[in-house]
Amino acid sequence: MYRFLLTPRWWGINVFVALSIPVCLFMGSWQLSRFEDRVQDHEDAKRQATTDTGAARPLTSLLPVDKKTSGEKASATGRWGKQLLVPDRELDDKRGYYVLTMLETGDGKALPVVRGWLPGPADGKKAPAPPKGEVTVTGALQASESMSSDGVTTAGGLPSGQVGMISAASLVNLVPDDVYDAWVTLDRGDRGTAGMKAVPASAPEDSGLDIKAFQNLGYTGEWFVFAGFVLFMWFRLFRRERELARDAELGLVPDEPSETKAAASAQAPTRS
């Protein structure tokens, strides 16, 4: 009854099923591991952003910024330079702005430093001036932003003295020195934050439960569904072929429909 499994057609079906199911299971497991990695990155980033990471290290030893060094305490020495405002930033469920001051490190590069946050619309007159003289700043290291906090890229339109996102690309034309591709947010209690609220460190980009993480979870389900569908279709075809083979052995061959017979009679040649 099962001799049909040895036909070339069924050899092709069986090979396809034998290959496709492991592939689907492997891809589903891989997507699941990607989701678990993103969850772990999210937890690590939250823990790193809210935990004292110990003694500060020199800025240059932590560059370039990645998921491991983002949020680490960095220190740099220099003099305060140009001050800018970063509008439309939220802190404690209130809208306000960052006070961003460039630290001229003396090596030809400037470090963007978020000295603090103030509520309300950006106003340069309300932003405290930085201390005079040489200073050593300590704060959480952050990677350059790719967009502003509300998701609007800095295409232009901001008043003079304001910048939409904190990155070397957006600051290079606003300050005379080269700019580090990173920034620092000052610790609470630092003398530079006087009169402002300190900005906590944020998790690095691409390390949270964002849309990509849930896409990985969705792809996991899709691959497992594909594996189940392939198996379902194989059993359905197998059952159909088995029934046909059984009917053939019992001689239960269905008659042709009357319409088919009539059409065949009409097309048959007539003898004179």
C-alpha atoms as a PDB file:
ATOM      1  CA  MET A   1       0.000   0.000   0.000  1.00  0.00           C
ATOM      2  CA  TYR A   2       2.912   2.348   0.696  1.00  0.00           C
ATOM      3  CA  ARG A   3       4.874   1.604  -2.454  1.00  0.00           C
ATOM      4  CA  PHE A   4       3.970   5.047  -3.731  1.00  0.00           C
ATOM      5  CA  LEU A   5       6.556   6.435  -1.288  1.00  0.00           C
ATOM      6  CA  LEU A   6       9.272   5.000  -3.566  1.00  0.00           C
ATOM      7  CA  THR A   7       8.152   6.937  -6.631  1.00  0.00           C
ATOM      8  CA  PRO A   8      10.356   9.848  -7.828  1.00  0.00           C
ATOM      9  CA  ARG A   9       7.590  12.320  -6.969  1.00  0.00           C
ATOM     10  CA  TRP A  10       7.514  11.216  -3.345  1.00  0.00           C
ATOM     11  CA  TRP A  11      11.293  11.061  -3.133  1.00  0.00           C
ATOM     12  CA  GLY A  12      11.296  14.765  -4.046  1.00  0.00           C
ATOM     13  CA  ILE A  13       8.567  15.536  -1.484  1.00  0.00           C
ATOM     14  CA  ASN A  14      10.364  13.641   1.278  1.00  0.00           C
ATOM     15  CA  VAL A  15      13.703  15.316   0.580  1.00  0.00           C
ATOM     16  CA  PHE A  16      12.052  18.736   0.595  1.00  0.00           C
ATOM     17  CA  VAL A  17      10.356  18.044   3.952  1.00  0.00           C
ATOM     18  CA  ALA A  18      13.500  16.540   5.476  1.00  0.00           C
ATOM     19  CA  LEU A  19      15.469  19.681   4.579  1.00  0.00           C
ATOM     20  CA  SER A  20      12.876  22.392   5.171  1.00  0.00           C
ATOM     21  CA  ILE A  21      11.790  21.410   8.699  1.00  0.00           C
ATOM     22  CA  PRO A  22      15.309  21.591  10.225  1.00  0.00           C
ATOM     23  CA  VAL A  23      15.919  24.880   8.402  1.00  0.00           C
ATOM     24  CA  CYS A  24      12.685  26.355   9.780  1.00  0.00           C
ATOM     25  CA  LEU A  25      13.473  25.158  13.312  1.00  0.00           C
ATOM     26  CA  PHE A  26      17.018  26.536  13.104  1.00  0.00           C
ATOM     27  CA  MET A  27      15.848  29.943  11.843  1.00  0.00           C
ATOM     28  CA  GLY A  28      13.137  30.097  14.503  1.00  0.00           C
ATOM     29  CA  SER A  29      15.640  29.254  17.246  1.00  0.00           C
ATOM     30  CA  TRP A  30      18.068  31.861  15.886  1.00  0.00           C
ATOM     31  CA  GLN A  31      15.406  34.584  15.871  1.00  0.00           C
ATOM     32  CA  LEU A  32      14.448  33.602  19.426  1.00  0.00           C
ATOM     33  CA  SER A  33      18.079  33.907  20.529  1.00  0.00           C
ATOM     34  CA  ARG A  34      18.230  37.366  18.918  1.00  0.00           C
ATOM     35  CA  PHE A  35      15.179  38.411  20.936  1.00  0.00           C
ATOM     36  CA  GLU A  36      16.711  37.025  24.139  1.00  0.00           C
ATOM     37  CA  ASP A  37      19.961  38.911  23.405  1.00  0.00           C
ATOM     38  CA  ARG A  38      18.042  42.165  23.013  1.00  0.00           C
ATOM     39  CA  VAL A  39      16.207  41.541  26.293  1.00  0.00           C
ATOM     40  CA  GLN A  40      19.535  40.908  28.017  1.00  0.00           C
ATOM     41  CA  ASP A  41      21.045  44.060  26.457  1.00  0.00           C
ATOM     42  CA  HIS A  42      18.030  46.002  27.695  1.00  0.00           C
ATOM     43  CA  GLU A  43      18.466  44.700  31.245  1.00  0.00           C
ATOM     44  CA  ASP A  44      22.216  45.341  31.201  1.00  0.00           C
ATOM     45  CA  ALA A  45      21.713  48.873  29.887  1.00  0.00           C
ATOM     46  CA  LYS A  46      19.135  49.652  32.594  1.00  0.00           C
ATOM     47  CA  ARG A  47      21.403  48.264  35.291  1.00  0.00           C
ATOM     48  CA  GLN A  48      24.408  50.167  33.954  1.00  0.00           C
ATOM     49  CA  ALA A  49      22.485  53.428  33.672  1.00  0.00           C
ATOM     50  CA  THR A  50      21.228  53.242  37.272  1.00  0.00           C
ATOM     51  CA  THR A  51      24.287  51.767  38.996  1.00  0.00           C
ATOM     52  CA  ASP A  52      27.443  53.521  40.103  1.00  0.00           C
ATOM     53  CA  THR A  53      30.046  52.065  37.766  1.00  0.00           C
ATOM     54  CA  GLY A  54      32.986  52.910  40.057  1.00  0.00           C
ATOM     55  CA  ALA A  55      35.917  55.209  39.515  1.00  0.00           C
ATOM     56  CA  ALA A  56      36.016  57.397  36.451  1.00  0.00           C
ATOM     57  CA  ARG A  57      38.431  56.529  33.659  1.00  0.00           C
ATOM     58  CA  PRO A  58      40.065  58.886  31.163  1.00  0.00           C
ATOM     59  CA  LEU A  59      37.812  59.727  28.251  1.00  0.00           C
ATOM     60  CA  THR A  60      40.227  58.499  25.587  1.00  0.00           C
ATOM     61  CA  SER A  61      40.426  55.039  27.180  1.00  0.00           C
ATOM     62  CA  LEU A  62      36.672  54.535  26.690  1.00  0.00           C
ATOM     63  CA  LEU A  63      36.456  55.526  23.036  1.00  0.00           C
ATOM     64  CA  PRO A  64      34.904  54.607  20.697  1.00  0.00           C
ATOM     65  CA  VAL A  65      31.642  54.308  22.602  1.00  0.00           C
ATOM     66  CA  ASP A  66      29.888  50.956  22.360  1.00  0.00           C
ATOM     67  CA  LYS A  67      27.319  49.036  24.391  1.00  0.00           C
ATOM     68  CA  LYS A  68      29.926  48.117  27.001  1.00  0.00           C
ATOM     69  CA  THR A  69      31.392  51.590  27.540  1.00  0.00           C
ATOM     70  CA  SER A  70      28.158  53.556  27.184  1.00  0.00           C
ATOM     71  CA  GLY A  71      27.170  54.773  30.649  1.00  0.00           C
ATOM     72  CA  GLU A  72      30.680  54.318  32.065  1.00  0.00           C
ATOM     73  CA  LYS A  73      32.135  57.154  34.117  1.00  0.00           C
ATOM     74  CA  ALA A  74      34.525  59.224  32.051  1.00  0.00           C
ATOM     75  CA  SER A  75      36.735  62.120  33.076  1.00  0.00           C
ATOM     76  CA  ALA A  76      38.258  64.899  30.989  1.00  0.00           C
ATOM     77  CA  THR A  77      40.141  68.098  31.755  1.00  0.00           C
ATOM     78  CA  GLY A  78      39.881  71.400  29.919  1.00  0.00           C
ATOM     79  CA  ARG A  79      38.202  74.779  29.814  1.00  0.00           C
ATOM     80  CA  TRP A  80      34.579  75.548  29.098  1.00  0.00           C
ATOM     81  CA  GLY A  81      33.926  76.937  25.625  1.00  0.00           C
ATOM     82  CA  LYS A  82      30.844  77.610  23.535  1.00  0.00           C
ATOM     83  CA  GLN A  83      27.457  76.938  25.090  1.00  0.00           C
ATOM     84  CA  LEU A  84      24.423  75.668  23.165  1.00  0.00           C
ATOM     85  CA  LEU A  85      20.875  74.641  24.031  1.00  0.00           C
ATOM     86  CA  VAL A  86      19.192  71.384  23.037  1.00  0.00           C
ATOM     87  CA  PRO A  87      15.420  72.035  23.027  1.00  0.00           C
ATOM     88  CA  ASP A  88      12.477  69.667  23.456  1.00  0.00           C
ATOM     89  CA  ARG A  89      14.046  67.271  25.948  1.00  0.00           C
ATOM     90  CA  GLU A  90      11.916  65.473  28.530  1.00  0.00           C
ATOM     91  CA  LEU A  91      12.923  64.774  32.117  1.00  0.00           C
ATOM     92  CA  ASP A  92      10.622  63.561  34.900  1.00  0.00           C
ATOM     93  CA  ASP A  93       7.640  63.831  32.506  1.00  0.00           C
ATOM     94  CA  LYS A  94       8.297  67.526  31.893  1.00  0.00           C
ATOM     95  CA  ARG A  95       9.464  69.252  28.727  1.00  0.00           C
ATOM     96  CA  GLY A  96      12.550  71.391  28.839  1.00  0.00           C
ATOM     97  CA  TYR A  97      16.010  71.699  27.338  1.00  0.00           C
ATOM     98  CA  TYR A  98      19.578  70.605  27.877  1.00  0.00           C
ATOM     99  CA  VAL A  99      22.368  73.068  28.515  1.00  0.00           C
ATOM    100  CA  LEU A 100      25.195  71.763  26.351  1.00  0.00           C
ATOM    101  CA  THR A 101      28.651  73.277  26.866  1.00  0.00           C
ATOM    102  CA  MET A 102      31.761  72.357  24.895  1.00  0.00           C
ATOM    103  CA  LEU A 103      34.811  71.404  26.964  1.00  0.00           C
ATOM    104  CA  GLU A 104      37.991  72.434  25.145  1.00  0.00           C
ATOM    105  CA  THR A 105      40.386  69.668  26.131  1.00  0.00           C
ATOM    106  CA  GLY A 106      43.563  71.252  24.764  1.00  0.00           C
ATOM    107  CA  ASP A 107      44.266  68.449  22.274  1.00  0.00           C
ATOM    108  CA  GLY A 108      42.446  70.208  19.448  1.00  0.00           C
ATOM    109  CA  LYS A 109      39.137  68.523  20.195  1.00  0.00           C
ATOM    110  CA  ALA A 110      36.061  69.620  22.120  1.00  0.00           C
ATOM    111  CA  LEU A 111      33.906  67.333  24.249  1.00  0.00           C
ATOM    112  CA  PRO A 112      30.145  68.015  24.316  1.00  0.00           C
ATOM    113  CA  VAL A 113      29.040  68.071  27.965  1.00  0.00           C
ATOM    114  CA  VAL A 114      25.402  68.201  29.073  1.00  0.00           C
ATOM    115  CA  ARG A 115      25.723  70.258  32.231  1.00  0.00           C
ATOM    116  CA  GLY A 116      22.045  69.958  33.136  1.00  0.00           C
ATOM    117  CA  TRP A 117      18.370  70.361  32.251  1.00  0.00           C
ATOM    118  CA  LEU A 118      16.003  73.303  32.655  1.00  0.00           C
ATOM    119  CA  PRO A 119      12.199  73.316  32.280  1.00  0.00           C
ATOM    120  CA  GLY A 120      10.247  75.256  29.672  1.00  0.00           C
ATOM    121  CA  PRO A 121      11.201  76.536  26.222  1.00  0.00           C
ATOM    122  CA  ALA A 122      14.904  76.960  25.457  1.00  0.00           C
ATOM    123  CA  ASP A 123      16.110  80.319  26.740  1.00  0.00           C
ATOM    124  CA  GLY A 124      19.782  81.245  26.661  1.00  0.00           C
ATOM    125  CA  LYS A 125      19.287  83.955  29.292  1.00  0.00           C
ATOM    126  CA  LYS A 126      18.175  81.378  31.871  1.00  0.00           C
ATOM    127  CA  ALA A 127      21.032  78.959  31.227  1.00  0.00           C
ATOM    128  CA  PRO A 128      23.760  79.397  33.882  1.00  0.00           C
ATOM    129  CA  ALA A 129      27.212  80.304  32.601  1.00  0.00           C
ATOM    130  CA  PRO A 130      29.919  77.658  33.116  1.00  0.00           C
ATOM    131  CA  PRO A 131      32.617  78.106  35.749  1.00  0.00           C
ATOM    132  CA  LYS A 132      35.822  79.902  34.762  1.00  0.00           C
ATOM    133  CA  GLY A 133      39.270  78.363  34.566  1.00  0.00           C
ATOM    134  CA  GLU A 134      40.457  74.814  34.038  1.00  0.00           C
ATOM    135  CA  VAL A 135      38.102  72.101  35.247  1.00  0.00           C
ATOM    136  CA  THR A 136      38.010  68.329  35.404  1.00  0.00           C
ATOM    137  CA  VAL A 137      34.571  66.962  34.601  1.00  0.00           C
ATOM    138  CA  THR A 138      33.238  63.520  35.473  1.00  0.00           C
ATOM    139  CA  GLY A 139      30.089  62.027  34.047  1.00  0.00           C
ATOM    140  CA  ALA A 140      28.384  59.209  32.186  1.00  0.00           C
ATOM    141  CA  LEU A 141      29.710  58.640  28.698  1.00  0.00           C
ATOM    142  CA  GLN A 142      27.124  58.571  25.915  1.00  0.00           C
ATOM    143  CA  ALA A 143      27.257  57.723  22.212  1.00  0.00           C
ATOM    144  CA  SER A 144      26.433  60.377  19.637  1.00  0.00           C
ATOM    145  CA  GLU A 145      22.726  60.612  18.936  1.00  0.00           C
ATOM    146  CA  SER A 146      21.216  59.732  15.578  1.00  0.00           C
ATOM    147  CA  MET A 147      18.039  61.731  16.185  1.00  0.00           C
ATOM    148  CA  SER A 148      16.552  63.992  18.797  1.00  0.00           C
ATOM    149  CA  SER A 149      14.639  62.543  21.732  1.00  0.00           C
ATOM    150  CA  ASP A 150      11.236  63.085  20.128  1.00  0.00           C
ATOM    151  CA  GLY A 151      12.323  61.390  16.917  1.00  0.00           C
ATOM    152  CA  VAL A 152      12.648  64.536  14.790  1.00  0.00           C
ATOM    153  CA  THR A 153      15.943  64.811  12.961  1.00  0.00           C
ATOM    154  CA  THR A 154      17.798  68.093  12.957  1.00  0.00           C
ATOM    155  CA  ALA A 155      17.217  69.195   9.407  1.00  0.00           C
ATOM    156  CA  GLY A 156      17.319  72.856  10.365  1.00  0.00           C
ATOM    157  CA  GLY A 157      14.961  75.594  11.467  1.00  0.00           C
ATOM    158  CA  LEU A 158      16.319  76.020  15.002  1.00  0.00           C
ATOM    159  CA  PRO A 159      17.291  79.469  16.270  1.00  0.00           C
ATOM    160  CA  SER A 160      20.927  80.438  16.579  1.00  0.00           C
ATOM    161  CA  GLY A 161      22.560  78.913  19.640  1.00  0.00           C
ATOM    162  CA  GLN A 162      20.435  75.771  19.545  1.00  0.00           C
ATOM    163  CA  VAL A 163      21.078  72.296  18.181  1.00  0.00           C
ATOM    164  CA  GLY A 164      18.623  69.446  17.781  1.00  0.00           C
ATOM    165  CA  MET A 165      20.831  66.481  18.574  1.00  0.00           C
ATOM    166  CA  ILE A 166      24.145  65.852  20.278  1.00  0.00           C
ATOM    167  CA  SER A 167      26.571  64.461  17.738  1.00  0.00           C
ATOM    168  CA  ALA A 168      29.842  65.393  16.093  1.00  0.00           C
ATOM    169  CA  ALA A 169      28.065  65.728  12.745  1.00  0.00           C
ATOM    170  CA  SER A 170      25.612  68.343  14.025  1.00  0.00           C
ATOM    171  CA  LEU A 171      28.201  70.271  16.069  1.00  0.00           C
ATOM    172  CA  VAL A 172      31.159  70.347  13.702  1.00  0.00           C
ATOM    173  CA  ASN A 173      29.944  73.523  11.972  1.00  0.00           C
ATOM    174  CA  LEU A 174      28.941  75.257  15.217  1.00  0.00           C
ATOM    175  CA  VAL A 175      32.209  75.103  17.151  1.00  0.00           C
ATOM    176  CA  PRO A 176      35.760  75.993  16.057  1.00  0.00           C
ATOM    177  CA  ASP A 177      37.406  72.753  17.230  1.00  0.00           C
ATOM    178  CA  ASP A 178      36.958  69.193  16.114  1.00  0.00           C
ATOM    179  CA  VAL A 179      34.351  67.368  18.201  1.00  0.00           C
ATOM    180  CA  TYR A 180      34.571  64.006  19.932  1.00  0.00           C
ATOM    181  CA  ASP A 181      32.069  61.492  18.597  1.00  0.00           C
ATOM    182  CA  ALA A 182      30.636  61.126  22.113  1.00  0.00           C
ATOM    183  CA  TRP A 183      29.264  63.273  24.918  1.00  0.00           C
ATOM    184  CA  VAL A 184      29.124  63.302  28.698  1.00  0.00           C
ATOM    185  CA  THR A 185      26.316  64.114  31.101  1.00  0.00           C
ATOM    186  CA  LEU A 186      27.627  65.521  34.372  1.00  0.00           C
ATOM    187  CA  ASP A 187      27.130  63.718  37.677  1.00  0.00           C
ATOM    188  CA  ARG A 188      24.762  65.121  40.281  1.00  0.00           C
ATOM    189  CA  GLY A 189      26.549  67.508  42.576  1.00  0.00           C
ATOM    190  CA  ASP A 190      29.133  68.558  40.024  1.00  0.00           C
ATOM    191  CA  ARG A 191      29.925  72.262  40.253  1.00  0.00           C
ATOM    192  CA  GLY A 192      28.971  72.666  36.578  1.00  0.00           C
ATOM    193  CA  THR A 193      25.366  71.610  37.206  1.00  0.00           C
ATOM    194  CA  ALA A 194      24.618  74.447  39.646  1.00  0.00           C
ATOM    195  CA  GLY A 195      21.091  75.762  39.173  1.00  0.00           C
ATOM    196  CA  MET A 196      20.101  72.880  36.884  1.00  0.00           C
ATOM    197  CA  LYS A 197      18.851  69.321  37.200  1.00  0.00           C
ATOM    198  CA  ALA A 198      21.421  66.662  36.333  1.00  0.00           C
ATOM    199  CA  VAL A 199      20.530  64.525  33.317  1.00  0.00           C
ATOM    200  CA  PRO A 200      20.730  60.771  33.994  1.00  0.00           C
ATOM    201  CA  ALA A 201      22.538  58.470  31.618  1.00  0.00           C
ATOM    202  CA  SER A 202      20.396  56.862  28.960  1.00  0.00           C
ATOM    203  CA  ALA A 203      20.613  53.365  27.544  1.00  0.00           C
ATOM    204  CA  PRO A 204      22.643  53.022  24.340  1.00  0.00           C
ATOM    205  CA  GLU A 205      20.765  52.858  21.073  1.00  0.00           C
ATOM    206  CA  ASP A 206      19.758  49.447  19.730  1.00  0.00           C
ATOM    207  CA  SER A 207      19.890  47.894  23.210  1.00  0.00           C
ATOM    208  CA  GLY A 208      16.268  48.044  24.291  1.00  0.00           C
ATOM    209  CA  LEU A 209      12.948  46.336  23.670  1.00  0.00           C
ATOM    210  CA  ASP A 210      12.282  48.316  20.506  1.00  0.00           C
ATOM    211  CA  ILE A 211      10.364  47.351  17.369  1.00  0.00           C
ATOM    212  CA  LYS A 212      13.315  45.259  16.162  1.00  0.00           C
ATOM    213  CA  ALA A 213      13.175  43.097  19.263  1.00  0.00           C
ATOM    214  CA  PHE A 214       9.492  42.305  18.760  1.00  0.00           C
ATOM    215  CA  GLN A 215      10.134  41.718  15.053  1.00  0.00           C
ATOM    216  CA  ASN A 216      12.593  38.996  16.087  1.00  0.00           C
ATOM    217  CA  LEU A 217       9.905  37.492  18.316  1.00  0.00           C
ATOM    218  CA  GLY A 218       7.372  37.617  15.468  1.00  0.00           C
ATOM    219  CA  TYR A 219       9.812  35.977  13.045  1.00  0.00           C
ATOM    220  CA  THR A 220      10.356  33.232  15.624  1.00  0.00           C
ATOM    221  CA  GLY A 221       6.654  32.373  15.535  1.00  0.00           C
ATOM    222  CA  GLU A 222       6.565  32.536  11.733  1.00  0.00           C
ATOM    223  CA  TRP A 223       9.413  30.046  11.269  1.00  0.00           C
ATOM    224  CA  PHE A 224       7.856  27.569  13.707  1.00  0.00           C
ATOM    225  CA  VAL A 225       4.510  27.955  11.938  1.00  0.00           C
ATOM    226  CA  PHE A 226       6.226  27.239   8.594  1.00  0.00           C
ATOM    227  CA  ALA A 227       7.700  24.039  10.039  1.00  0.00           C
ATOM    228  CA  GLY A 228       4.273  22.947  11.285  1.00  0.00           C
ATOM    229  CA  PHE A 229       2.659  23.804   7.947  1.00  0.00           C
ATOM    230  CA  VAL A 230       5.193  21.719   5.992  1.00  0.00           C
ATOM    231  CA  LEU A 231       4.565  18.750   8.295  1.00  0.00           C
ATOM    232  CA  PHE A 232       0.791  19.206   8.028  1.00  0.00           C
ATOM    233  CA  MET A 233       0.900  19.283   4.217  1.00  0.00           C
ATOM    234  CA  TRP A 234       3.077  16.141   4.122  1.00  0.00           C
ATOM    235  CA  PHE A 235       0.589  14.184   6.255  1.00  0.00           C
ATOM    236  CA  ARG A 236      -2.292  15.496   4.166  1.00  0.00           C
ATOM    237  CA  LEU A 237      -0.645  14.370   0.902  1.00  0.00           C
ATOM    238  CA  PHE A 238       0.361  11.056   2.475  1.00  0.00           C
ATOM    239  CA  ARG A 239      -3.176  10.324   3.639  1.00  0.00           C
ATOM    240  CA  ARG A 240      -4.590  11.192   0.204  1.00  0.00           C
ATOM    241  CA  GLU A 241      -2.100   8.934  -1.621  1.00  0.00           C
ATOM    242  CA  ARG A 242      -2.712   6.121   0.875  1.00  0.00           C
ATOM    243  CA  GLU A 243      -6.462   6.272   0.288  1.00  0.00           C
ATOM    244  CA  LEU A 244      -5.981   6.249  -3.479  1.00  0.00           C
ATOM    245  CA  ALA A 245      -3.599   3.289  -3.234  1.00  0.00           C
ATOM    246  CA  ARG A 246      -6.065   1.398  -1.031  1.00  0.00           C
ATOM    247  CA  ASP A 247      -8.949   2.071  -3.422  1.00  0.00           C
ATOM    248  CA  ALA A 248      -6.818   0.864  -6.337  1.00  0.00           C
ATOM    249  CA  GLU A 249      -5.999  -2.383  -4.512  1.00  0.00           C
ATOM    250  CA  LEU A 250      -9.686  -2.957  -3.799  1.00  0.00           C
ATOM    251  CA  GLY A 251     -10.641  -2.110  -7.371  1.00  0.00           C
ATOM    252  CA  LEU A 252     -12.669   0.846  -6.254  1.00  0.00           C
ATOM    253  CA  VAL A 253     -11.818   3.035  -9.234  1.00  0.00           C
ATOM    254  CA  PRO A 254     -14.394   5.801  -9.547  1.00  0.00           C
ATOM    255  CA  ASP A 255     -16.415   5.985 -12.765  1.00  0.00           C
ATOM    256  CA  GLU A 256     -15.832   8.907 -15.071  1.00  0.00           C
ATOM    257  CA  PRO A 257     -18.449  11.643 -14.858  1.00  0.00           C
ATOM    258  CA  SER A 258     -21.227  11.395 -17.471  1.00  0.00           C
ATOM    259  CA  GLU A 259     -20.168  14.733 -18.977  1.00  0.00           C
ATOM    260  CA  THR A 260     -16.673  13.377 -19.593  1.00  0.00           C
ATOM    261  CA  LYS A 261     -18.090  10.264 -21.234  1.00  0.00           C
ATOM    262  CA  ALA A 262     -20.368  12.334 -23.465  1.00  0.00           C
ATOM    263  CA  ALA A 263     -17.504  14.568 -24.541  1.00  0.00           C
ATOM    264  CA  ALA A 264     -15.362  11.525 -25.327  1.00  0.00           C
ATOM    265  CA  SER A 265     -18.168   9.980 -27.441  1.00  0.00           C
ATOM    266  CA  ALA A 266     -18.624  13.179 -29.407  1.00  0.00           C
ATOM    267  CA  GLN A 267     -14.922  13.395 -30.224  1.00  0.00           C
ATOM    268  CA  ALA A 268     -14.601   9.711 -31.211  1.00  0.00           C
ATOM    269  CA  PRO A 269     -14.425   9.141 -35.029  1.00  0.00           C
ATOM    270  CA  THR A 270     -17.490   7.543 -36.630  1.00  0.00           C
ATOM    271  CA  ARG A 271     -17.262   4.614 -39.026  1.00  0.00           C
ATOM    272  CA  SER A 272     -19.033   4.849 -42.328  1.00  0.00           C
END
